[in-house]
PDB file of N, CA and C in Angstrom:
ATOM      1  N   MET A   1     105.055  99.358  87.559  1.00  0.00           N
ATOM      2  CA  MET A   1     104.570 100.751  87.991  1.00  0.00           C
ATOM      3  C   MET A   1     104.889 101.729  88.542  1.00  0.00           C
ATOM      4  N   THR A   2     105.152 102.782  88.251  1.00  0.00           N
ATOM      5  CA  THR A   2     105.979 104.006  88.769  1.00  0.00           C
ATOM      6  C   THR A   2     105.174 104.316  90.129  1.00  0.00           C
ATOM      7  N   ASP A   3     105.852 105.102  91.210  1.00  0.00           N
ATOM      8  CA  ASP A   3     105.260 105.612  92.136  1.00  0.00           C
ATOM      9  C   ASP A   3     104.143 106.589  92.119  1.00  0.00           C
ATOM     10  N   GLU A   4     104.410 107.390  90.715  1.00  0.00           N
ATOM     11  CA  GLU A   4     103.401 108.121  90.200  1.00  0.00           C
ATOM     12  C   GLU A   4     102.144 107.521  89.762  1.00  0.00           C
ATOM     13  N   GLU A   5     102.195 106.603  89.189  1.00  0.00           N
ATOM     14  CA  GLU A   5     101.188 105.597  88.608  1.00  0.00           C
ATOM     15  C   GLU A   5     100.472 104.889  89.907  1.00  0.00           C
ATOM     16  N   LEU A   6     101.094 104.558  90.808  1.00  0.00           N
ATOM     17  CA  LEU A   6     100.583 103.935  92.186  1.00  0.00           C
ATOM     18  C   LEU A   6      99.838 104.784  92.798  1.00  0.00           C
ATOM     19  N   ILE A   7     100.220 106.158  92.712  1.00  0.00           N
ATOM     20  CA  ILE A   7      99.415 107.195  93.474  1.00  0.00           C
ATOM     21  C   ILE A   7      98.478 107.558  92.862  1.00  0.00           C
ATOM     22  N   ALA A   8      98.218 107.846  91.583  1.00  0.00           N
ATOM     23  CA  ALA A   8      97.269 108.197  90.868  1.00  0.00           C
ATOM     24  C   ALA A   8      95.962 106.808  90.996  1.00  0.00           C
ATOM     25  N   TYR A   9      96.717 105.785  90.508  1.00  0.00           N
ATOM     26  CA  TYR A   9      95.728 104.217  90.746  1.00  0.00           C
ATOM     27  C   TYR A   9      94.930 104.392  92.235  1.00  0.00           C
ATOM     28  N   ASN A  10      95.935 104.332  93.437  1.00  0.00           N
ATOM     29  CA  ASN A  10      95.296 104.598  94.508  1.00  0.00           C
ATOM     30  C   ASN A  10      94.440 105.569  94.903  1.00  0.00           C
ATOM     31  N   SER A  11      94.332 106.784  94.314  1.00  0.00           N
ATOM     32  CA  SER A  11      93.300 107.951  94.676  1.00  0.00           C
ATOM     33  C   SER A  11      92.054 107.757  93.827  1.00  0.00           C
ATOM     34  N   THR A  12      92.104 106.583  92.868  1.00  0.00           N
ATOM     35  CA  THR A  12      90.812 106.261  92.504  1.00  0.00           C
ATOM     36  C   THR A  12      90.127 105.378  92.801  1.00  0.00           C
ATOM     37  N   VAL A  13      90.466 104.191  93.837  1.00  0.00           N
ATOM     38  CA  VAL A  13      89.942 103.249  94.424  1.00  0.00           C
ATOM     39  C   VAL A  13      89.678 103.245  95.793  1.00  0.00           C
ATOM     40  N   PRO A  14      88.841 102.468  96.336  1.00  0.00           N
ATOM     41  CA  PRO A  14      88.410 102.593  97.700  1.00  0.00           C
ATOM     42  C   PRO A  14      89.853 102.280  98.461  1.00  0.00           C
ATOM     43  N   LEU A  15      89.794 102.469  99.940  1.00  0.00           N
ATOM     44  CA  LEU A  15      90.996 102.292 100.929  1.00  0.00           C
ATOM     45  C   LEU A  15      91.575 100.822 100.695  1.00  0.00           C
ATOM     46  N   GLU A  16      90.263  99.758 100.987  1.00  0.00           N
ATOM     47  CA  GLU A  16      90.777  98.465 101.171  1.00  0.00           C
ATOM     48  C   GLU A  16      91.422  98.117  99.626  1.00  0.00           C
ATOM     49  N   GLN A  17      91.330  98.745  98.574  1.00  0.00           N
ATOM     50  CA  GLN A  17      91.798  98.263  97.346  1.00  0.00           C
ATOM     51  C   GLN A  17      92.768  98.937  96.771  1.00  0.00           C
ATOM     52  N   ASN A  18      93.301  99.759  97.637  1.00  0.00           N
ATOM     53  CA  ASN A  18      94.685 100.607  97.599  1.00  0.00           C
ATOM     54  C   ASN A  18      95.967  99.567  97.585  1.00  0.00           C
ATOM     55  N   VAL A  19      96.839  99.648  96.299  1.00  0.00           N
ATOM     56  CA  VAL A  19      97.898  98.792  96.329  1.00  0.00           C
ATOM     57  C   VAL A  19      99.208  99.471  97.119  1.00  0.00           C
ATOM     58  N   ILE A  20      99.870  98.480  97.574  1.00  0.00           N
ATOM     59  CA  ILE A  20     101.049  98.624  98.244  1.00  0.00           C
ATOM     60  C   ILE A  20     102.119  97.983  98.048  1.00  0.00           C
ATOM     61  N   CYS A  21     103.418  98.497  97.584  1.00  0.00           N
ATOM     62  CA  CYS A  21     104.501  97.479  96.789  1.00  0.00           C
ATOM     63  C   CYS A  21     105.789  97.634  98.086  1.00  0.00           C
ATOM     64  N   PHE A  22     106.297  96.703  98.482  1.00  0.00           N
ATOM     65  CA  PHE A  22     107.362  96.229  99.371  1.00  0.00           C
ATOM     66  C   PHE A  22     108.197  95.200  98.937  1.00  0.00           C
ATOM     67  N   LYS A  23     109.334  95.625  99.530  1.00  0.00           N
ATOM     68  CA  LYS A  23     110.641  94.572  99.264  1.00  0.00           C
ATOM     69  C   LYS A  23     110.304  93.233  99.985  1.00  0.00           C
ATOM     70  N   ASP A  24     110.278  92.268  99.266  1.00  0.00           N
ATOM     71  CA  ASP A  24     110.229  90.980 100.342  1.00  0.00           C
ATOM     72  C   ASP A  24     111.316  89.764 100.045  1.00  0.00           C
ATOM     73  N   LEU A  25     111.901  89.465 101.325  1.00  0.00           N
ATOM     74  CA  LEU A  25     112.827  88.609 101.329  1.00  0.00           C
ATOM     75  C   LEU A  25     111.957  87.195 101.542  1.00  0.00           C
ATOM     76  N   ARG A  26     112.264  86.219 100.686  1.00  0.00           N
ATOM     77  CA  ARG A  26     111.772  85.195 100.755  1.00  0.00           C
ATOM     78  C   ARG A  26     112.437  84.047 101.397  1.00  0.00           C
ATOM     79  N   THR A  27     112.244  83.094 101.933  1.00  0.00           N
ATOM     80  CA  THR A  27     112.955  82.147 102.763  1.00  0.00           C
ATOM     81  C   THR A  27     113.757  81.097 101.888  1.00  0.00           C
ATOM     82  N   ASP A  28     113.328  81.193 100.335  1.00  0.00           N
ATOM     83  CA  ASP A  28     114.182  80.033  99.595  1.00  0.00           C
ATOM     84  C   ASP A  28     115.219  81.146  99.033  1.00  0.00           C
ATOM     85  N   SER A  29     115.315  82.346  99.027  1.00  0.00           N
ATOM     86  CA  SER A  29     116.512  83.085  98.225  1.00  0.00           C
ATOM     87  C   SER A  29     116.668  84.187  99.144  1.00  0.00           C
ATOM     88  N   HIS A  30     117.915  84.431  98.617  1.00  0.00           N
ATOM     89  CA  HIS A  30     118.240  86.031  99.513  1.00  0.00           C
ATOM     90  C   HIS A  30     118.237  87.124  98.543  1.00  0.00           C
ATOM     91  N   ILE A  31     117.309  86.809  97.320  1.00  0.00           N
ATOM     92  CA  ILE A  31     117.116  87.966  96.213  1.00  0.00           C
ATOM     93  C   ILE A  31     115.869  88.506  96.757  1.00  0.00           C
ATOM     94  N   ARG A  32     115.705  89.853  97.096  1.00  0.00           N
ATOM     95  CA  ARG A  32     114.471  90.646  97.284  1.00  0.00           C
ATOM     96  C   ARG A  32     113.850  90.997  96.255  1.00  0.00           C
ATOM     97  N   LYS A  33     112.344  90.416  96.402  1.00  0.00           N
ATOM     98  CA  LYS A  33     111.513  90.801  94.994  1.00  0.00           C
ATOM     99  C   LYS A  33     110.681  92.164  95.466  1.00  0.00           C
ATOM    100  N   THR A  34     110.155  92.848  94.878  1.00  0.00           N
ATOM    101  CA  THR A  34     109.049  93.825  95.110  1.00  0.00           C
ATOM    102  C   THR A  34     107.648  93.042  94.785  1.00  0.00           C
ATOM    103  N   ARG A  35     107.035  93.086  95.810  1.00  0.00           N
ATOM    104  CA  ARG A  35     105.864  92.659  95.721  1.00  0.00           C
ATOM    105  C   ARG A  35     104.758  93.669  96.202  1.00  0.00           C
ATOM    106  N   CYS A  36     103.759  93.697  95.004  1.00  0.00           N
ATOM    107  CA  CYS A  36     102.586  94.640  95.514  1.00  0.00           C
ATOM    108  C   CYS A  36     101.088  93.709  95.491  1.00  0.00           C
ATOM    109  N   MET A  37     100.317  94.280  96.545  1.00  0.00           N
ATOM    110  CA  MET A  37      99.279  93.518  96.862  1.00  0.00           C
ATOM    111  C   MET A  37      98.414  94.967  97.290  1.00  0.00           C
ATOM    112  N   THR A  38      96.995  94.313  97.260  1.00  0.00           N
ATOM    113  CA  THR A  38      96.147  95.442  98.061  1.00  0.00           C
ATOM    114  C   THR A  38      96.045  95.185  99.481  1.00  0.00           C
ATOM    115  N   ILE A  39      95.699  96.466 100.252  1.00  0.00           N
ATOM    116  CA  ILE A  39      95.450  96.286 101.454  1.00  0.00           C
ATOM    117  C   ILE A  39      94.640  95.111 102.025  1.00  0.00           C
ATOM    118  N   MET A  40      93.559  94.777 101.074  1.00  0.00           N
ATOM    119  CA  MET A  40      92.721  93.884 101.617  1.00  0.00           C
ATOM    120  C   MET A  40      93.369  92.449 101.356  1.00  0.00           C
ATOM    121  N   ASP A  41      94.320  92.030 100.638  1.00  0.00           N
ATOM    122  CA  ASP A  41      95.109  91.133 100.252  1.00  0.00           C
ATOM    123  C   ASP A  41      96.309  90.832 101.552  1.00  0.00           C
ATOM    124  N   ILE A  42      96.724  92.009 101.752  1.00  0.00           N
ATOM    125  CA  ILE A  42      97.740  91.784 102.925  1.00  0.00           C
ATOM    126  C   ILE A  42      97.147  91.398 104.140  1.00  0.00           C
ATOM    127  N   LEU A  43      95.832  92.143 104.650  1.00  0.00           N
ATOM    128  CA  LEU A  43      95.069  91.568 105.645  1.00  0.00           C
ATOM    129  C   LEU A  43      94.809  90.366 105.759  1.00  0.00           C
ATOM    130  N   THR A  44      94.155  89.607 104.464  1.00  0.00           N
ATOM    131  CA  THR A  44      93.784  88.160 104.198  1.00  0.00           C
ATOM    132  C   THR A  44      95.173  87.466 104.506  1.00  0.00           C
ATOM    133  N   GLU A  45      96.079  87.642 104.025  1.00  0.00           N
ATOM    134  CA  GLU A  45      97.559  86.901 104.054  1.00  0.00           C
ATOM    135  C   GLU A  45      97.862  86.606 105.496  1.00  0.00           C
ATOM    136  N   ALA A  46      97.895  88.117 106.191  1.00  0.00           N
ATOM    137  CA  ALA A  46      98.249  87.894 107.645  1.00  0.00           C
ATOM    138  C   ALA A  46      97.324  87.137 108.443  1.00  0.00           C
ATOM    139  N   GLU A  47      95.987  87.362 108.076  1.00  0.00           N
ATOM    140  CA  GLU A  47      95.049  86.354 108.853  1.00  0.00           C
ATOM    141  C   GLU A  47      95.212  84.930 108.706  1.00  0.00           C
ATOM    142  N   THR A  48      95.416  84.826 107.772  1.00  0.00           N
ATOM    143  CA  THR A  48      95.863  83.070 107.161  1.00  0.00           C
ATOM    144  C   THR A  48      96.940  82.682 107.755  1.00  0.00           C
ATOM    145  N   ASN A  49      97.932  83.458 107.987  1.00  0.00           N
ATOM    146  CA  ASN A  49      99.389  83.011 108.618  1.00  0.00           C
ATOM    147  C   ASN A  49      99.028  82.820 109.820  1.00  0.00           C
ATOM    148  N   ALA A  50      98.406  83.892 110.600  1.00  0.00           N
ATOM    149  CA  ALA A  50      98.153  83.872 112.115  1.00  0.00           C
ATOM    150  C   ALA A  50      97.862  82.428 112.546  1.00  0.00           C
ATOM    151  N   ARG A  51      96.507  82.541 111.829  1.00  0.00           N
ATOM    152  CA  ARG A  51      95.812  81.030 111.795  1.00  0.00           C
ATOM    153  C   ARG A  51      96.600  79.833 112.061  1.00  0.00           C
ATOM    154  N   THR A  52      97.603  80.006 110.749  1.00  0.00           N
ATOM    155  CA  THR A  52      98.570  78.690 110.446  1.00  0.00           C
ATOM    156  C   THR A  52      99.473  78.458 111.799  1.00  0.00           C
ATOM    157  N   ILE A  53      99.865  79.599 112.289  1.00  0.00           N
ATOM    158  CA  ILE A  53     100.872  79.690 113.708  1.00  0.00           C
ATOM    159  C   ILE A  53     100.092  79.062 114.701  1.00  0.00           C
ATOM    160  N   ASP A  54      98.702  79.611 114.777  1.00  0.00           N
ATOM    161  CA  ASP A  54      97.929  79.411 115.884  1.00  0.00           C
ATOM    162  C   ASP A  54      97.809  77.752 115.696  1.00  0.00           C
ATOM    163  N   ALA A  55      97.496  77.409 114.811  1.00  0.00           N
ATOM    164  CA  ALA A  55      97.217  75.947 114.842  1.00  0.00           C
ATOM    165  C   ALA A  55      98.332  75.169 114.951  1.00  0.00           C
ATOM    166  N   LEU A  56      99.555  75.631 114.530  1.00  0.00           N
ATOM    167  CA  LEU A  56     100.936  74.570 115.006  1.00  0.00           C
ATOM    168  C   LEU A  56     100.992  74.960 116.557  1.00  0.00           C
ATOM    169  N   ASN A  57     100.897  75.838 117.011  1.00  0.00           N
ATOM    170  CA  ASN A  57     101.158  76.314 118.671  1.00  0.00           C
ATOM    171  C   ASN A  57     100.365  75.306 119.421  1.00  0.00           C
ATOM    172  N   ILE A  58      98.914  75.308 118.985  1.00  0.00           N
ATOM    173  CA  ILE A  58      97.910  74.532 119.927  1.00  0.00           C
ATOM    174  C   ILE A  58      98.118  73.069 119.849  1.00  0.00           C
ATOM    175  N   GLY A  59      98.604  72.376 118.634  1.00  0.00           N
ATOM    176  CA  GLY A  59      98.717  70.924 118.582  1.00  0.00           C
ATOM    177  C   GLY A  59      97.840  70.286 119.444  1.00  0.00           C
ATOM    178  N   PRO A  60      98.193  68.994 119.237  1.00  0.00           N
ATOM    179  CA  PRO A  60      97.303  67.985 119.723  1.00  0.00           C
ATOM    180  C   PRO A  60      97.029  68.182 121.464  1.00  0.00           C
ATOM    181  N   GLN A  61      95.813  68.030 121.918  1.00  0.00           N
ATOM    182  CA  GLN A  61      95.342  68.239 123.194  1.00  0.00           C
ATOM    183  C   GLN A  61      95.274  66.946 123.650  1.00  0.00           C
ATOM    184  N   LEU A  62      96.185  66.973 124.951  1.00  0.00           N
ATOM    185  CA  LEU A  62      96.111  65.549 125.823  1.00  0.00           C
ATOM    186  C   LEU A  62      95.377  65.859 127.252  1.00  0.00           C
ATOM    187  N   PHE A  63      94.237  65.504 127.239  1.00  0.00           N
ATOM    188  CA  PHE A  63      93.424  65.388 128.760  1.00  0.00           C
ATOM    189  C   PHE A  63      92.913  64.425 129.010  1.00  0.00           C
TER     190      PHE A  63
END
């Protein structure tokens, strides 16, 4: 999808359904890939990652 097509698409959908593309460097590769996600998908992924990290940081409680 070209930048112009992306701009045209984003102008027709609600904000949370806007698509954002970015270069992503995965931990298993040094090759950057372009990922395109809706804003809602980005927020959901960020929230899931934050909860996972929080769960790992808390660990077992010894009281």
